[in-house]
Amino acid sequence: GGGIVRYNQDLFEPLAGEAEIVVLPRYGTTKGASPP
């Protein structure tokens, strides 16, 4: 969770229709994540 997290998610989701995005984070977990 967090503001930057939410911003990144809501930035990538509309771009996902036009782009293939590979995300490498410094922090967080892939458990429970549901990216496009």
ModelCIF file with pLDDT and N, C-alpha, C, O atoms, coordinates in Angstrom:
data_MODEL
#
_entry.id   MODEL 
#
_entity.id                         1 
_entity.type                       polymer 
_entity.pdbx_number_of_molecules   1 
#
_entity_poly.entity_id                      1 
_entity_poly.type                           'polypeptide(L)' 
_entity_poly.nstd_linkage                   no 
_entity_poly.nstd_monomer                   no 
_entity_poly.pdbx_seq_one_letter_code       GGGIVRYNQDLFEPLAGEAEIVVLPRYGTTKGASPP 
_entity_poly.pdbx_seq_one_letter_code_can   GGGIVRYNQDLFEPLAGEAEIVVLPRYGTTKGASPP 
_entity_poly.pdbx_strand_id                 A 
#
loop_
_entity_poly_seq.entity_id 
_entity_poly_seq.num 
_entity_poly_seq.mon_id 
_entity_poly_seq.hetero 
1 1  GLY n 
1 2  GLY n 
1 3  GLY n 
1 4  ILE n 
1 5  VAL n 
1 6  ARG n 
1 7  TYR n 
1 8  ASN n 
1 9  GLN n 
1 10 ASP n 
1 11 LEU n 
1 12 PHE n 
1 13 GLU n 
1 14 PRO n 
1 15 LEU n 
1 16 ALA n 
1 17 GLY n 
1 18 GLU n 
1 19 ALA n 
1 20 GLU n 
1 21 ILE n 
1 22 VAL n 
1 23 VAL n 
1 24 LEU n 
1 25 PRO n 
1 26 ARG n 
1 27 TYR n 
1 28 GLY n 
1 29 THR n 
1 30 THR n 
1 31 LYS n 
1 32 GLY n 
1 33 ALA n 
1 34 SER n 
1 35 PRO n 
1 36 PRO n 
#
_struct_asym.id          A 
_struct_asym.entity_id   1 
#
loop_
_ma_qa_metric.id 
_ma_qa_metric.mode 
_ma_qa_metric.name 
_ma_qa_metric.software_group_id 
_ma_qa_metric.type 
1 global pLDDT . pLDDT 
2 local  pLDDT . pLDDT 
#
_ma_qa_metric_global.metric_id      1 
_ma_qa_metric_global.metric_value   80.64 
_ma_qa_metric_global.model_id       1 
_ma_qa_metric_global.ordinal_id     1 
#
loop_
_ma_qa_metric_local.label_asym_id 
_ma_qa_metric_local.label_comp_id 
_ma_qa_metric_local.label_seq_id 
_ma_qa_metric_local.metric_id 
_ma_qa_metric_local.metric_value 
_ma_qa_metric_local.model_id 
_ma_qa_metric_local.ordinal_id 
A GLY 1  2 72.00 1 1  
A GLY 2  2 72.00 1 2  
A GLY 3  2 75.00 1 3  
A ILE 4  2 81.00 1 4  
A VAL 5  2 81.00 1 5  
A ARG 6  2 82.00 1 6  
A TYR 7  2 83.00 1 7  
A ASN 8  2 83.00 1 8  
A GLN 9  2 84.00 1 9  
A ASP 10 2 80.00 1 10 
A LEU 11 2 83.00 1 11 
A PHE 12 2 83.00 1 12 
A GLU 13 2 81.00 1 13 
A PRO 14 2 76.00 1 14 
A LEU 15 2 79.00 1 15 
A ALA 16 2 77.00 1 16 
A GLY 17 2 75.00 1 17 
A GLU 18 2 76.00 1 18 
A ALA 19 2 84.00 1 19 
A GLU 20 2 90.00 1 20 
A ILE 21 2 92.00 1 21 
A VAL 22 2 95.00 1 22 
A VAL 23 2 93.00 1 23 
A LEU 24 2 95.00 1 24 
A PRO 25 2 92.00 1 25 
A ARG 26 2 90.00 1 26 
A TYR 27 2 87.00 1 27 
A GLY 28 2 77.00 1 28 
A THR 29 2 72.00 1 29 
A THR 30 2 67.00 1 30 
A LYS 31 2 71.00 1 31 
A GLY 32 2 66.00 1 32 
A ALA 33 2 67.00 1 33 
A SER 34 2 78.00 1 34 
A PRO 35 2 82.00 1 35 
A PRO 36 2 82.00 1 36 
#
loop_
_atom_site.group_PDB 
_atom_site.id 
_atom_site.type_symbol 
_atom_site.label_atom_id 
_atom_site.label_alt_id 
_atom_site.label_comp_id 
_atom_site.label_asym_id 
_atom_site.label_entity_id 
_atom_site.label_seq_id 
_atom_site.pdbx_PDB_ins_code 
_atom_site.Cartn_x 
_atom_site.Cartn_y 
_atom_site.Cartn_z 
_atom_site.occupancy 
_atom_site.B_iso_or_equiv 
_atom_site.pdbx_formal_charge 
_atom_site.auth_seq_id 
_atom_site.auth_comp_id 
_atom_site.auth_asym_id 
_atom_site.auth_atom_id 
_atom_site.pdbx_PDB_model_num 
ATOM 1   N N  . GLY A 1 1  ? 0.816  -1.205  0.000   1.00 72.00 ? 1  GLY A N  1 
ATOM 2   C CA . GLY A 1 1  ? 0.000  0.000   0.000   1.00 72.00 ? 1  GLY A CA 1 
ATOM 3   C C  . GLY A 1 1  ? 0.847  1.250   0.000   1.00 72.00 ? 1  GLY A C  1 
ATOM 4   O O  . GLY A 1 1  ? 2.068  1.190   0.145   1.00 72.00 ? 1  GLY A O  1 
ATOM 5   N N  . GLY A 1 2  ? 0.182  2.400   -0.166  1.00 72.00 ? 2  GLY A N  1 
ATOM 6   C CA . GLY A 1 2  ? 0.890  3.673   -0.138  1.00 72.00 ? 2  GLY A CA 1 
ATOM 7   C C  . GLY A 1 2  ? 0.556  4.523   -1.337  1.00 72.00 ? 2  GLY A C  1 
ATOM 8   O O  . GLY A 1 2  ? 0.058  4.027   -2.347  1.00 72.00 ? 2  GLY A O  1 
ATOM 9   N N  . GLY A 1 3  ? 0.835  5.822   -1.221  1.00 75.00 ? 3  GLY A N  1 
ATOM 10  C CA . GLY A 1 3  ? 0.478  6.756   -2.274  1.00 75.00 ? 3  GLY A CA 1 
ATOM 11  C C  . GLY A 1 3  ? 1.240  6.551   -3.562  1.00 75.00 ? 3  GLY A C  1 
ATOM 12  O O  . GLY A 1 3  ? 0.645  6.557   -4.640  1.00 75.00 ? 3  GLY A O  1 
ATOM 13  N N  . ILE A 1 4  ? 2.551  6.368   -3.473  1.00 81.00 ? 4  ILE A N  1 
ATOM 14  C CA . ILE A 1 4  ? 3.347  6.150   -4.682  1.00 81.00 ? 4  ILE A CA 1 
ATOM 15  C C  . ILE A 1 4  ? 2.980  4.814   -5.318  1.00 81.00 ? 4  ILE A C  1 
ATOM 16  O O  . ILE A 1 4  ? 2.944  4.689   -6.542  1.00 81.00 ? 4  ILE A O  1 
ATOM 17  N N  . VAL A 1 5  ? 2.708  3.816   -4.474  1.00 81.00 ? 5  VAL A N  1 
ATOM 18  C CA . VAL A 1 5  ? 2.253  2.518   -4.980  1.00 81.00 ? 5  VAL A CA 1 
ATOM 19  C C  . VAL A 1 5  ? 0.993  2.685   -5.825  1.00 81.00 ? 5  VAL A C  1 
ATOM 20  O O  . VAL A 1 5  ? 0.916  2.188   -6.949  1.00 81.00 ? 5  VAL A O  1 
ATOM 21  N N  . ARG A 1 6  ? -0.001 3.396   -5.264  1.00 82.00 ? 6  ARG A N  1 
ATOM 22  C CA . ARG A 1 6  ? -1.263 3.584   -5.964  1.00 82.00 ? 6  ARG A CA 1 
ATOM 23  C C  . ARG A 1 6  ? -1.057 4.375   -7.248  1.00 82.00 ? 6  ARG A C  1 
ATOM 24  O O  . ARG A 1 6  ? -1.686 4.092   -8.268  1.00 82.00 ? 6  ARG A O  1 
ATOM 25  N N  . TYR A 1 7  ? -0.179 5.364   -7.195  1.00 83.00 ? 7  TYR A N  1 
ATOM 26  C CA . TYR A 1 7  ? 0.090  6.155   -8.387  1.00 83.00 ? 7  TYR A CA 1 
ATOM 27  C C  . TYR A 1 7  ? 0.685  5.276   -9.481  1.00 83.00 ? 7  TYR A C  1 
ATOM 28  O O  . TYR A 1 7  ? 0.245  5.319   -10.630 1.00 83.00 ? 7  TYR A O  1 
ATOM 29  N N  . ASN A 1 8  ? 1.691  4.476   -9.114  1.00 83.00 ? 8  ASN A N  1 
ATOM 30  C CA . ASN A 1 8  ? 2.327  3.610   -10.106 1.00 83.00 ? 8  ASN A CA 1 
ATOM 31  C C  . ASN A 1 8  ? 1.325  2.642   -10.726 1.00 83.00 ? 8  ASN A C  1 
ATOM 32  O O  . ASN A 1 8  ? 1.313  2.444   -11.941 1.00 83.00 ? 8  ASN A O  1 
ATOM 33  N N  . GLN A 1 9  ? 0.486  2.040   -9.884  1.00 84.00 ? 9  GLN A N  1 
ATOM 34  C CA . GLN A 1 9  ? -0.510 1.107   -10.406 1.00 84.00 ? 9  GLN A CA 1 
ATOM 35  C C  . GLN A 1 9  ? -1.450 1.798   -11.386 1.00 84.00 ? 9  GLN A C  1 
ATOM 36  O O  . GLN A 1 9  ? -1.746 1.267   -12.456 1.00 84.00 ? 9  GLN A O  1 
ATOM 37  N N  . ASP A 1 10 ? -1.912 2.975   -11.014 1.00 80.00 ? 10 ASP A N  1 
ATOM 38  C CA . ASP A 1 10 ? -2.892 3.660   -11.854 1.00 80.00 ? 10 ASP A CA 1 
ATOM 39  C C  . ASP A 1 10 ? -2.249 4.352   -13.053 1.00 80.00 ? 10 ASP A C  1 
ATOM 40  O O  . ASP A 1 10 ? -2.945 4.788   -13.971 1.00 80.00 ? 10 ASP A O  1 
ATOM 41  N N  . LEU A 1 11 ? -0.934 4.449   -13.042 1.00 83.00 ? 11 LEU A N  1 
ATOM 42  C CA . LEU A 1 11 ? -0.221 4.892   -14.240 1.00 83.00 ? 11 LEU A CA 1 
ATOM 43  C C  . LEU A 1 11 ? -0.049 3.732   -15.212 1.00 83.00 ? 11 LEU A C  1 
ATOM 44  O O  . LEU A 1 11 ? -0.253 3.891   -16.415 1.00 83.00 ? 11 LEU A O  1 
ATOM 45  N N  . PHE A 1 12 ? 0.324  2.570   -14.693 1.00 83.00 ? 12 PHE A N  1 
ATOM 46  C CA . PHE A 1 12 ? 0.616  1.432   -15.557 1.00 83.00 ? 12 PHE A CA 1 
ATOM 47  C C  . PHE A 1 12 ? -0.633 0.821   -16.174 1.00 83.00 ? 12 PHE A C  1 
ATOM 48  O O  . PHE A 1 12 ? -0.589 0.340   -17.306 1.00 83.00 ? 12 PHE A O  1 
ATOM 49  N N  . GLU A 1 13 ? -1.750 0.834   -15.445 1.00 81.00 ? 13 GLU A N  1 
ATOM 50  C CA . GLU A 1 13 ? -2.937 0.131   -15.935 1.00 81.00 ? 13 GLU A CA 1 
ATOM 51  C C  . GLU A 1 13 ? -3.470 0.682   -17.259 1.00 81.00 ? 13 GLU A C  1 
ATOM 52  O O  . GLU A 1 13 ? -3.800 -0.113  -18.139 1.00 81.00 ? 13 GLU A O  1 
ATOM 53  N N  . PRO A 1 14 ? -3.574 2.017   -17.447 1.00 76.00 ? 14 PRO A N  1 
ATOM 54  C CA . PRO A 1 14 ? -4.009 2.487   -18.759 1.00 76.00 ? 14 PRO A CA 1 
ATOM 55  C C  . PRO A 1 14 ? -2.950 2.303   -19.835 1.00 76.00 ? 14 PRO A C  1 
ATOM 56  O O  . PRO A 1 14 ? -3.274 2.190   -21.017 1.00 76.00 ? 14 PRO A O  1 
ATOM 57  N N  . LEU A 1 15 ? -1.674 2.272   -19.426 1.00 79.00 ? 15 LEU A N  1 
ATOM 58  C CA . LEU A 1 15 ? -0.613 2.046   -20.404 1.00 79.00 ? 15 LEU A CA 1 
ATOM 59  C C  . LEU A 1 15 ? -0.549 0.586   -20.840 1.00 79.00 ? 15 LEU A C  1 
ATOM 60  O O  . LEU A 1 15 ? 0.004  0.266   -21.892 1.00 79.00 ? 15 LEU A O  1 
ATOM 61  N N  . ALA A 1 16 ? -1.121 -0.300  -20.018 1.00 77.00 ? 16 ALA A N  1 
ATOM 62  C CA . ALA A 1 16 ? -1.016 -1.730  -20.296 1.00 77.00 ? 16 ALA A CA 1 
ATOM 63  C C  . ALA A 1 16 ? -1.674 -2.116  -21.613 1.00 77.00 ? 16 ALA A C  1 
ATOM 64  O O  . ALA A 1 16 ? -1.306 -3.124  -22.216 1.00 77.00 ? 16 ALA A O  1 
ATOM 65  N N  . GLY A 1 17 ? -2.640 -1.329  -22.065 1.00 75.00 ? 17 GLY A N  1 
ATOM 66  C CA . GLY A 1 17 ? -3.264 -1.616  -23.342 1.00 75.00 ? 17 GLY A CA 1 
ATOM 67  C C  . GLY A 1 17 ? -2.382 -1.286  -24.530 1.00 75.00 ? 17 GLY A C  1 
ATOM 68  O O  . GLY A 1 17 ? -2.624 -1.747  -25.645 1.00 75.00 ? 17 GLY A O  1 
ATOM 69  N N  . GLU A 1 18 ? -1.352 -0.480  -24.280 1.00 76.00 ? 18 GLU A N  1 
ATOM 70  C CA . GLU A 1 18 ? -0.468 -0.043  -25.359 1.00 76.00 ? 18 GLU A CA 1 
ATOM 71  C C  . GLU A 1 18 ? 0.947  -0.589  -25.214 1.00 76.00 ? 18 GLU A C  1 
ATOM 72  O O  . GLU A 1 18 ? 1.742  -0.522  -26.151 1.00 76.00 ? 18 GLU A O  1 
ATOM 73  N N  . ALA A 1 19 ? 1.262  -1.133  -24.035 1.00 84.00 ? 19 ALA A N  1 
ATOM 74  C CA . ALA A 1 19 ? 2.648  -1.469  -23.754 1.00 84.00 ? 19 ALA A CA 1 
ATOM 75  C C  . ALA A 1 19 ? 2.763  -2.764  -22.970 1.00 84.00 ? 19 ALA A C  1 
ATOM 76  O O  . ALA A 1 19 ? 1.836  -3.173  -22.271 1.00 84.00 ? 19 ALA A O  1 
ATOM 77  N N  . GLU A 1 20 ? 3.917  -3.399  -23.100 1.00 90.00 ? 20 GLU A N  1 
ATOM 78  C CA . GLU A 1 20 ? 4.311  -4.501  -22.233 1.00 90.00 ? 20 GLU A CA 1 
ATOM 79  C C  . GLU A 1 20 ? 5.249  -3.914  -21.187 1.00 90.00 ? 20 GLU A C  1 
ATOM 80  O O  . GLU A 1 20 ? 6.274  -3.328  -21.537 1.00 90.00 ? 20 GLU A O  1 
ATOM 81  N N  . ILE A 1 21 ? 4.916  -4.063  -19.916 1.00 92.00 ? 21 ILE A N  1 
ATOM 82  C CA . ILE A 1 21 ? 5.655  -3.398  -18.842 1.00 92.00 ? 21 ILE A CA 1 
ATOM 83  C C  . ILE A 1 21 ? 6.246  -4.442  -17.905 1.00 92.00 ? 21 ILE A C  1 
ATOM 84  O O  . ILE A 1 21 ? 5.533  -5.303  -17.389 1.00 92.00 ? 21 ILE A O  1 
ATOM 85  N N  . VAL A 1 22 ? 7.549  -4.359  -17.691 1.00 95.00 ? 22 VAL A N  1 
ATOM 86  C CA . VAL A 1 22 ? 8.246  -5.224  -16.742 1.00 95.00 ? 22 VAL A CA 1 
ATOM 87  C C  . VAL A 1 22 ? 8.657  -4.359  -15.559 1.00 95.00 ? 22 VAL A C  1 
ATOM 88  O O  . VAL A 1 22 ? 9.417  -3.404  -15.716 1.00 95.00 ? 22 VAL A O  1 
ATOM 89  N N  . VAL A 1 23 ? 8.148  -4.698  -14.366 1.00 93.00 ? 23 VAL A N  1 
ATOM 90  C CA . VAL A 1 23 ? 8.340  -3.879  -13.171 1.00 93.00 ? 23 VAL A CA 1 
ATOM 91  C C  . VAL A 1 23 ? 9.332  -4.563  -12.230 1.00 93.00 ? 23 VAL A C  1 
ATOM 92  O O  . VAL A 1 23 ? 9.162  -5.728  -11.872 1.00 93.00 ? 23 VAL A O  1 
ATOM 93  N N  . LEU A 1 24 ? 10.374 -3.820  -11.834 1.00 95.00 ? 24 LEU A N  1 
ATOM 94  C CA . LEU A 1 24 ? 11.314 -4.301  -10.823 1.00 95.00 ? 24 LEU A CA 1 
ATOM 95  C C  . LEU A 1 24 ? 11.268 -3.344  -9.641  1.00 95.00 ? 24 LEU A C  1 
ATOM 96  O O  . LEU A 1 24 ? 11.801 -2.238  -9.730  1.00 95.00 ? 24 LEU A O  1 
ATOM 97  N N  . PRO A 1 25 ? 10.635 -3.750  -8.518  1.00 92.00 ? 25 PRO A N  1 
ATOM 98  C CA . PRO A 1 25 ? 10.537 -2.870  -7.356  1.00 92.00 ? 25 PRO A CA 1 
ATOM 99  C C  . PRO A 1 25 ? 11.684 -3.074  -6.369  1.00 92.00 ? 25 PRO A C  1 
ATOM 100 O O  . PRO A 1 25 ? 12.319 -4.128  -6.341  1.00 92.00 ? 25 PRO A O  1 
ATOM 101 N N  . ARG A 1 26 ? 11.937 -2.038  -5.556  1.00 90.00 ? 26 ARG A N  1 
ATOM 102 C CA . ARG A 1 26 ? 12.884 -2.175  -4.453  1.00 90.00 ? 26 ARG A CA 1 
ATOM 103 C C  . ARG A 1 26 ? 12.223 -2.845  -3.254  1.00 90.00 ? 26 ARG A C  1 
ATOM 104 O O  . ARG A 1 26 ? 12.862 -3.610  -2.532  1.00 90.00 ? 26 ARG A O  1 
ATOM 105 N N  . TYR A 1 27 ? 10.937 -2.554  -3.044  1.00 87.00 ? 27 TYR A N  1 
ATOM 106 C CA . TYR A 1 27 ? 10.234 -3.042  -1.863  1.00 87.00 ? 27 TYR A CA 1 
ATOM 107 C C  . TYR A 1 27 ? 8.896  -3.653  -2.268  1.00 87.00 ? 27 TYR A C  1 
ATOM 108 O O  . TYR A 1 27 ? 8.407  -3.429  -3.375  1.00 87.00 ? 27 TYR A O  1 
ATOM 109 N N  . GLY A 1 28 ? 8.309  -4.434  -1.345  1.00 77.00 ? 28 GLY A N  1 
ATOM 110 C CA . GLY A 1 28 ? 7.000  -5.005  -1.606  1.00 77.00 ? 28 GLY A CA 1 
ATOM 111 C C  . GLY A 1 28 ? 7.072  -6.505  -1.848  1.00 77.00 ? 28 GLY A C  1 
ATOM 112 O O  . GLY A 1 28 ? 8.103  -7.140  -1.625  1.00 77.00 ? 28 GLY A O  1 
ATOM 113 N N  . THR A 1 29 ? 5.965  -7.050  -2.306  1.00 72.00 ? 29 THR A N  1 
ATOM 114 C CA . THR A 1 29 ? 5.852  -8.484  -2.528  1.00 72.00 ? 29 THR A CA 1 
ATOM 115 C C  . THR A 1 29 ? 4.949  -8.738  -3.731  1.00 72.00 ? 29 THR A C  1 
ATOM 116 O O  . THR A 1 29 ? 4.071  -7.938  -4.052  1.00 72.00 ? 29 THR A O  1 
ATOM 117 N N  . THR A 1 30 ? 5.182  -9.853  -4.374  1.00 67.00 ? 30 THR A N  1 
ATOM 118 C CA . THR A 1 30 ? 4.298  -10.253 -5.470  1.00 67.00 ? 30 THR A CA 1 
ATOM 119 C C  . THR A 1 30 ? 3.102  -11.048 -4.952  1.00 67.00 ? 30 THR A C  1 
ATOM 120 O O  . THR A 1 30 ? 2.168  -11.325 -5.706  1.00 67.00 ? 30 THR A O  1 
ATOM 121 N N  . LYS A 1 31 ? 3.125  -11.419 -3.666  1.00 71.00 ? 31 LYS A N  1 
ATOM 122 C CA . LYS A 1 31 ? 2.022  -12.190 -3.091  1.00 71.00 ? 31 LYS A CA 1 
ATOM 123 C C  . LYS A 1 31 ? 0.760  -11.327 -3.029  1.00 71.00 ? 31 LYS A C  1 
ATOM 124 O O  . LYS A 1 31 ? 0.769  -10.236 -2.457  1.00 71.00 ? 31 LYS A O  1 
ATOM 125 N N  . GLY A 1 32 ? -0.307 -11.823 -3.615  1.00 66.00 ? 32 GLY A N  1 
ATOM 126 C CA . GLY A 1 32 ? -1.563 -11.088 -3.617  1.00 66.00 ? 32 GLY A CA 1 
ATOM 127 C C  . GLY A 1 32 ? -1.633 -9.991  -4.659  1.00 66.00 ? 32 GLY A C  1 
ATOM 128 O O  . GLY A 1 32 ? -2.656 -9.314  -4.769  1.00 66.00 ? 32 GLY A O  1 
ATOM 129 N N  . ALA A 1 33 ? -0.572 -9.798  -5.425  1.00 67.00 ? 33 ALA A N  1 
ATOM 130 C CA . ALA A 1 33 ? -0.574 -8.758  -6.453  1.00 67.00 ? 33 ALA A CA 1 
ATOM 131 C C  . ALA A 1 33 ? -1.371 -9.230  -7.659  1.00 67.00 ? 33 ALA A C  1 
ATOM 132 O O  . ALA A 1 33 ? -1.355 -10.412 -8.001  1.00 67.00 ? 33 ALA A O  1 
ATOM 133 N N  . SER A 1 34 ? -2.062 -8.305  -8.295  1.00 78.00 ? 34 SER A N  1 
ATOM 134 C CA . SER A 1 34 ? -2.865 -8.665  -9.468  1.00 78.00 ? 34 SER A CA 1 
ATOM 135 C C  . SER A 1 34 ? -2.720 -7.602  -10.549 1.00 78.00 ? 34 SER A C  1 
ATOM 136 O O  . SER A 1 34 ? -3.673 -6.877  -10.835 1.00 78.00 ? 34 SER A O  1 
ATOM 137 N N  . PRO A 1 35 ? -1.537 -7.500  -11.154 1.00 82.00 ? 35 PRO A N  1 
ATOM 138 C CA . PRO A 1 35 ? -1.350 -6.542  -12.241 1.00 82.00 ? 35 PRO A CA 1 
ATOM 139 C C  . PRO A 1 35 ? -2.077 -6.994  -13.498 1.00 82.00 ? 35 PRO A C  1 
ATOM 140 O O  . PRO A 1 35 ? -2.438 -8.165  -13.617 1.00 82.00 ? 35 PRO A O  1 
ATOM 141 N N  . PRO A 1 36 ? -2.294 -6.078  -14.438 1.00 82.00 ? 36 PRO A N  1 
ATOM 142 C CA . PRO A 1 36 ? -2.898 -6.450  -15.723 1.00 82.00 ? 36 PRO A CA 1 
ATOM 143 C C  . PRO A 1 36 ? -2.034 -7.483  -16.445 1.00 82.00 ? 36 PRO A C  1 
ATOM 144 O O  . PRO A 1 36 ? -2.380 -7.918  -17.543 1.00 82.00 ? 36 PRO A O  1 
#
